[in-house]
Structures are given as C-alpha cells and as structure tokens.
N, C-alpha and C. Protein backbone atom coordinates (compact mmCIF):
# COMPACT_ATOMS: atom_id res chain seq x y z
N GLN A 1 17.17 -22.94 -2.85
CA GLN A 1 15.76 -23.46 -2.97
C GLN A 1 14.77 -22.32 -3.35
N GLY A 2 15.21 -21.11 -3.24
CA GLY A 2 14.29 -19.96 -3.58
C GLY A 2 13.09 -19.90 -2.70
N GLY A 3 11.93 -19.77 -3.29
CA GLY A 3 10.64 -19.67 -2.57
C GLY A 3 10.22 -20.84 -1.78
N TYR A 4 10.90 -22.00 -1.99
CA TYR A 4 10.55 -23.12 -1.29
C TYR A 4 11.57 -23.48 -0.06
N SER A 5 12.36 -22.41 0.21
CA SER A 5 13.30 -22.55 1.29
C SER A 5 12.61 -22.70 2.67
N THR A 6 13.21 -23.39 3.62
CA THR A 6 12.62 -23.44 4.97
C THR A 6 13.26 -22.43 5.88
N ASP A 7 14.44 -21.89 5.53
CA ASP A 7 15.11 -20.87 6.32
C ASP A 7 15.99 -20.04 5.41
N MET A 8 16.48 -18.94 5.98
CA MET A 8 17.37 -18.04 5.31
C MET A 8 18.18 -17.18 6.28
N THR A 9 19.22 -16.58 5.80
CA THR A 9 20.06 -15.71 6.62
C THR A 9 19.82 -14.32 6.08
N VAL A 10 19.49 -13.34 6.92
CA VAL A 10 19.24 -11.99 6.51
C VAL A 10 19.58 -11.06 7.64
N HIS A 11 20.09 -9.86 7.33
CA HIS A 11 20.36 -8.92 8.40
C HIS A 11 19.01 -8.53 9.12
N GLN A 12 19.06 -8.38 10.46
CA GLN A 12 17.86 -8.09 11.15
C GLN A 12 17.12 -6.83 10.75
N ARG A 13 17.83 -5.97 10.12
CA ARG A 13 17.24 -4.67 9.72
C ARG A 13 16.18 -4.98 8.64
N PHE A 14 16.30 -6.07 7.90
CA PHE A 14 15.39 -6.35 6.76
C PHE A 14 14.42 -7.49 7.12
N ALA A 15 14.28 -7.82 8.40
CA ALA A 15 13.40 -8.90 8.80
C ALA A 15 12.48 -8.49 9.92
N PHE A 16 11.34 -9.03 9.96
CA PHE A 16 10.44 -8.84 11.14
C PHE A 16 9.59 -10.00 11.30
N LYS A 17 9.12 -10.25 12.51
CA LYS A 17 8.20 -11.35 12.79
C LYS A 17 6.80 -11.01 12.51
N VAL A 18 6.15 -11.94 11.83
CA VAL A 18 4.68 -11.75 11.55
C VAL A 18 4.01 -11.96 12.92
N PRO A 19 3.16 -11.02 13.31
CA PRO A 19 2.47 -11.12 14.64
C PRO A 19 1.70 -12.48 14.75
N GLU A 20 1.76 -13.00 15.97
CA GLU A 20 1.04 -14.22 16.23
C GLU A 20 -0.50 -13.99 15.92
N GLY A 21 -1.11 -14.95 15.23
CA GLY A 21 -2.49 -14.82 14.92
C GLY A 21 -2.78 -14.05 13.57
N MET A 22 -1.80 -13.43 12.96
CA MET A 22 -2.02 -12.84 11.69
C MET A 22 -1.95 -13.82 10.56
N PRO A 23 -2.98 -14.02 9.83
CA PRO A 23 -2.98 -15.00 8.67
C PRO A 23 -1.94 -14.60 7.66
N LEU A 24 -1.21 -15.60 7.14
CA LEU A 24 -0.21 -15.30 6.12
C LEU A 24 -0.79 -14.67 4.85
N GLU A 25 -2.03 -14.92 4.56
CA GLU A 25 -2.65 -14.21 3.42
C GLU A 25 -2.92 -12.80 3.60
N VAL A 26 -2.88 -12.30 4.87
CA VAL A 26 -2.95 -10.92 5.21
C VAL A 26 -1.48 -10.34 5.33
N ALA A 27 -0.54 -11.10 5.79
CA ALA A 27 0.82 -10.69 5.98
C ALA A 27 1.53 -10.49 4.67
N GLY A 28 1.23 -11.40 3.68
CA GLY A 28 1.88 -11.34 2.38
C GLY A 28 1.76 -10.03 1.66
N PRO A 29 0.51 -9.57 1.42
CA PRO A 29 0.33 -8.27 0.73
C PRO A 29 0.99 -7.11 1.48
N LEU A 30 1.01 -7.08 2.83
CA LEU A 30 1.65 -6.07 3.60
C LEU A 30 3.15 -6.06 3.34
N CYS A 31 3.70 -7.31 3.24
CA CYS A 31 5.18 -7.37 3.08
C CYS A 31 5.56 -6.98 1.61
N CYS A 32 4.70 -7.20 0.68
CA CYS A 32 5.08 -6.96 -0.69
C CYS A 32 4.53 -5.58 -1.15
N ALA A 33 3.26 -5.45 -1.41
CA ALA A 33 2.69 -4.16 -1.84
C ALA A 33 2.76 -3.09 -0.73
N GLY A 34 2.74 -3.50 0.43
CA GLY A 34 2.78 -2.57 1.60
C GLY A 34 4.13 -1.85 1.66
N ILE A 35 5.16 -2.58 1.66
CA ILE A 35 6.53 -1.92 1.67
C ILE A 35 6.86 -1.19 0.43
N THR A 36 6.38 -1.70 -0.74
CA THR A 36 6.63 -1.09 -2.07
C THR A 36 5.98 0.34 -2.01
N THR A 37 4.77 0.48 -1.51
CA THR A 37 4.15 1.84 -1.54
C THR A 37 4.49 2.62 -0.25
N TYR A 38 4.74 2.00 0.89
CA TYR A 38 5.03 2.74 2.11
C TYR A 38 6.31 3.50 1.99
N SER A 39 7.30 2.87 1.40
CA SER A 39 8.62 3.51 1.37
C SER A 39 8.62 4.91 0.72
N PRO A 40 8.14 5.11 -0.48
CA PRO A 40 8.08 6.47 -0.98
C PRO A 40 7.10 7.40 -0.29
N LEU A 41 5.99 6.82 0.14
CA LEU A 41 5.06 7.67 0.86
C LEU A 41 5.64 8.17 2.19
N SER A 42 6.43 7.35 2.83
CA SER A 42 7.00 7.76 4.09
C SER A 42 8.08 8.85 3.92
N ARG A 43 8.74 8.86 2.73
CA ARG A 43 9.72 9.85 2.43
C ARG A 43 9.15 11.17 2.00
N HIS A 44 8.04 11.11 1.29
CA HIS A 44 7.50 12.35 0.64
C HIS A 44 6.17 12.84 1.17
N VAL A 45 5.47 12.05 2.06
CA VAL A 45 4.16 12.43 2.54
C VAL A 45 4.10 12.42 4.08
N LYS A 46 4.58 11.44 4.68
CA LYS A 46 4.46 11.25 6.12
C LYS A 46 5.01 12.40 6.91
N GLY A 47 4.11 12.93 7.83
CA GLY A 47 4.56 14.00 8.69
C GLY A 47 4.43 15.40 8.04
N LYS A 48 3.92 15.50 6.85
CA LYS A 48 3.84 16.80 6.10
C LYS A 48 2.35 17.14 6.01
N LYS A 49 2.11 18.45 6.15
CA LYS A 49 0.76 18.95 6.09
C LYS A 49 0.28 19.12 4.65
N ASP A 50 -1.07 18.99 4.49
CA ASP A 50 -1.70 19.29 3.23
C ASP A 50 -1.15 18.59 2.01
N GLN A 51 -0.89 17.36 2.12
CA GLN A 51 -0.34 16.53 1.02
C GLN A 51 -1.47 15.97 0.18
N HIS A 52 -1.31 15.93 -1.10
CA HIS A 52 -2.25 15.35 -2.09
C HIS A 52 -1.46 14.40 -2.90
N VAL A 53 -1.88 13.08 -2.81
CA VAL A 53 -1.21 12.04 -3.46
C VAL A 53 -2.04 11.56 -4.71
N GLY A 54 -1.39 11.37 -5.85
CA GLY A 54 -1.99 10.78 -7.02
C GLY A 54 -1.54 9.34 -7.14
N VAL A 55 -2.45 8.46 -7.36
CA VAL A 55 -2.17 7.07 -7.49
C VAL A 55 -2.63 6.62 -8.88
N VAL A 56 -1.73 6.01 -9.64
CA VAL A 56 -2.09 5.56 -11.00
C VAL A 56 -2.44 4.09 -10.89
N GLY A 57 -3.73 3.77 -11.12
CA GLY A 57 -4.20 2.41 -11.06
C GLY A 57 -4.70 2.08 -9.68
N PHE A 58 -5.70 1.21 -9.63
CA PHE A 58 -6.33 0.82 -8.35
C PHE A 58 -6.42 -0.65 -8.19
N GLY A 59 -5.26 -1.31 -8.54
CA GLY A 59 -5.10 -2.77 -8.29
C GLY A 59 -4.49 -2.97 -6.95
N GLY A 60 -3.68 -4.00 -6.79
CA GLY A 60 -3.05 -4.35 -5.59
C GLY A 60 -2.19 -3.25 -5.03
N LEU A 61 -1.24 -2.70 -5.79
CA LEU A 61 -0.36 -1.66 -5.26
C LEU A 61 -1.13 -0.42 -5.09
N GLY A 62 -2.01 -0.07 -6.03
CA GLY A 62 -2.74 1.15 -5.89
C GLY A 62 -3.67 1.21 -4.67
N MET A 63 -4.35 0.06 -4.41
CA MET A 63 -5.21 -0.01 -3.25
C MET A 63 -4.40 0.18 -1.95
N MET A 64 -3.24 -0.47 -1.93
CA MET A 64 -2.40 -0.34 -0.72
C MET A 64 -1.87 1.09 -0.61
N ALA A 65 -1.54 1.68 -1.70
CA ALA A 65 -1.01 3.10 -1.65
C ALA A 65 -2.12 4.03 -1.12
N VAL A 66 -3.36 3.83 -1.57
CA VAL A 66 -4.46 4.68 -1.05
C VAL A 66 -4.62 4.49 0.43
N LYS A 67 -4.63 3.28 0.95
CA LYS A 67 -4.81 3.02 2.36
C LYS A 67 -3.71 3.67 3.18
N ILE A 68 -2.47 3.46 2.75
CA ILE A 68 -1.36 4.08 3.48
C ILE A 68 -1.35 5.56 3.43
N ALA A 69 -1.60 6.17 2.20
CA ALA A 69 -1.53 7.57 2.02
C ALA A 69 -2.71 8.21 2.90
N LYS A 70 -3.90 7.62 2.94
CA LYS A 70 -4.97 8.16 3.73
C LYS A 70 -4.65 8.05 5.25
N ALA A 71 -3.96 6.97 5.64
CA ALA A 71 -3.51 6.75 7.07
C ALA A 71 -2.52 7.88 7.44
N MET A 72 -1.77 8.39 6.43
CA MET A 72 -0.80 9.46 6.71
C MET A 72 -1.45 10.84 6.63
N GLY A 73 -2.76 10.83 6.36
CA GLY A 73 -3.48 12.12 6.37
C GLY A 73 -3.58 12.84 5.01
N ALA A 74 -3.09 12.18 4.00
CA ALA A 74 -3.07 12.82 2.64
C ALA A 74 -4.50 12.73 1.94
N LYS A 75 -4.73 13.70 1.09
CA LYS A 75 -5.89 13.64 0.16
C LYS A 75 -5.41 12.73 -1.00
N VAL A 76 -6.24 11.81 -1.48
CA VAL A 76 -5.81 10.88 -2.47
C VAL A 76 -6.72 10.98 -3.72
N THR A 77 -6.14 11.04 -4.88
CA THR A 77 -6.88 10.93 -6.16
C THR A 77 -6.24 9.74 -6.91
N ILE A 78 -7.12 8.87 -7.35
CA ILE A 78 -6.78 7.68 -8.10
C ILE A 78 -7.06 7.96 -9.59
N PHE A 79 -6.05 7.65 -10.44
CA PHE A 79 -6.27 7.78 -11.90
C PHE A 79 -6.40 6.42 -12.45
N SER A 80 -7.55 6.17 -13.08
CA SER A 80 -7.83 4.82 -13.63
C SER A 80 -8.38 4.94 -15.05
N ARG A 81 -8.44 3.78 -15.70
CA ARG A 81 -8.90 3.78 -17.13
C ARG A 81 -10.43 3.68 -17.11
N SER A 82 -11.11 3.31 -15.98
CA SER A 82 -12.57 3.22 -15.96
C SER A 82 -13.07 3.65 -14.60
N ASN A 83 -14.40 3.77 -14.55
CA ASN A 83 -15.08 4.14 -13.24
C ASN A 83 -15.50 2.85 -12.47
N ALA A 84 -15.08 1.70 -12.90
CA ALA A 84 -15.53 0.45 -12.30
C ALA A 84 -15.38 0.37 -10.85
N LYS A 85 -14.29 0.95 -10.27
CA LYS A 85 -14.02 0.82 -8.87
C LYS A 85 -14.28 2.18 -8.08
N LYS A 86 -15.12 3.01 -8.68
CA LYS A 86 -15.37 4.34 -8.11
C LYS A 86 -15.94 4.25 -6.73
N GLU A 87 -16.85 3.31 -6.50
CA GLU A 87 -17.52 3.13 -5.17
C GLU A 87 -16.48 2.66 -4.16
N GLU A 88 -15.64 1.67 -4.59
CA GLU A 88 -14.65 1.14 -3.70
C GLU A 88 -13.66 2.22 -3.30
N ALA A 89 -13.29 3.05 -4.26
CA ALA A 89 -12.34 4.18 -3.95
C ALA A 89 -12.95 5.12 -2.95
N ALA A 90 -14.26 5.46 -3.15
CA ALA A 90 -14.93 6.39 -2.27
C ALA A 90 -15.03 5.82 -0.86
N ALA A 91 -15.19 4.49 -0.81
CA ALA A 91 -15.26 3.84 0.57
C ALA A 91 -13.96 4.02 1.32
N LEU A 92 -12.86 4.08 0.61
CA LEU A 92 -11.51 4.28 1.23
C LEU A 92 -11.20 5.78 1.41
N GLY A 93 -12.11 6.62 0.94
CA GLY A 93 -11.87 8.05 1.10
C GLY A 93 -11.15 8.76 0.02
N ALA A 94 -11.07 8.07 -1.12
CA ALA A 94 -10.31 8.58 -2.30
C ALA A 94 -11.24 8.96 -3.42
N GLU A 95 -10.77 9.89 -4.25
CA GLU A 95 -11.53 10.30 -5.46
C GLU A 95 -10.94 9.50 -6.58
N LEU A 96 -11.76 8.93 -7.42
CA LEU A 96 -11.37 8.17 -8.62
C LEU A 96 -11.61 9.02 -9.87
N VAL A 97 -10.60 9.22 -10.71
CA VAL A 97 -10.78 9.92 -11.93
C VAL A 97 -10.45 8.99 -13.12
N ALA A 98 -11.37 8.84 -13.98
CA ALA A 98 -11.18 7.92 -15.09
C ALA A 98 -10.64 8.78 -16.27
N THR A 99 -9.55 8.21 -16.85
CA THR A 99 -8.89 8.95 -17.94
C THR A 99 -9.06 8.25 -19.23
C-alpha cells in the first residue's frame, strides 16, 4: 500500500517514536530533510573544532542543514542564486553569498 499503509515492519534501528504532542507537520521535515542533512554533518562536522560548512541552496534541505550545522557549532555560508533570503539566513546565524 506504500504511503497509505497503516503499519509496517522495520528493524528498530531505523525507527523511532514521534514524541507525544509533536505535530506531524513538524516531525515530517525532521524525518526527511533532517536525517538527510544530519547524517553527513554528524560524520564530518560534529565534535570537531573550527568547522566551516558551505550549503548550496536555501530551500528545505538547505535550511535544515544550516540549523543543524549551527547547532553543531559550525560557521555556515550559504551559496544561493539570489539575495532574496539574506535576512532569513542572517537570522539563523549564516552568511548568504549570491552567485
């Protein structure tokens, strides 16, 4: 049944319970964009000093990458095609460079 399934079987290593009270519209992006960006950042940035992360694009994945990289203590530069989201980037503590 794919996305319309009511249950599934999966190894516990690949599953977690969404915390009580967390809206699914919040949990969804964390499960998708969150793990997509967290995985490489945890391997290459987490726990290391003086890291500088470059993020290409500031859409869904890019915004999540910025939040996670900043939480890991990295300096973040976003490469974008325009300055349209420069203020939003600065609010998250990142520098946006339009190319």
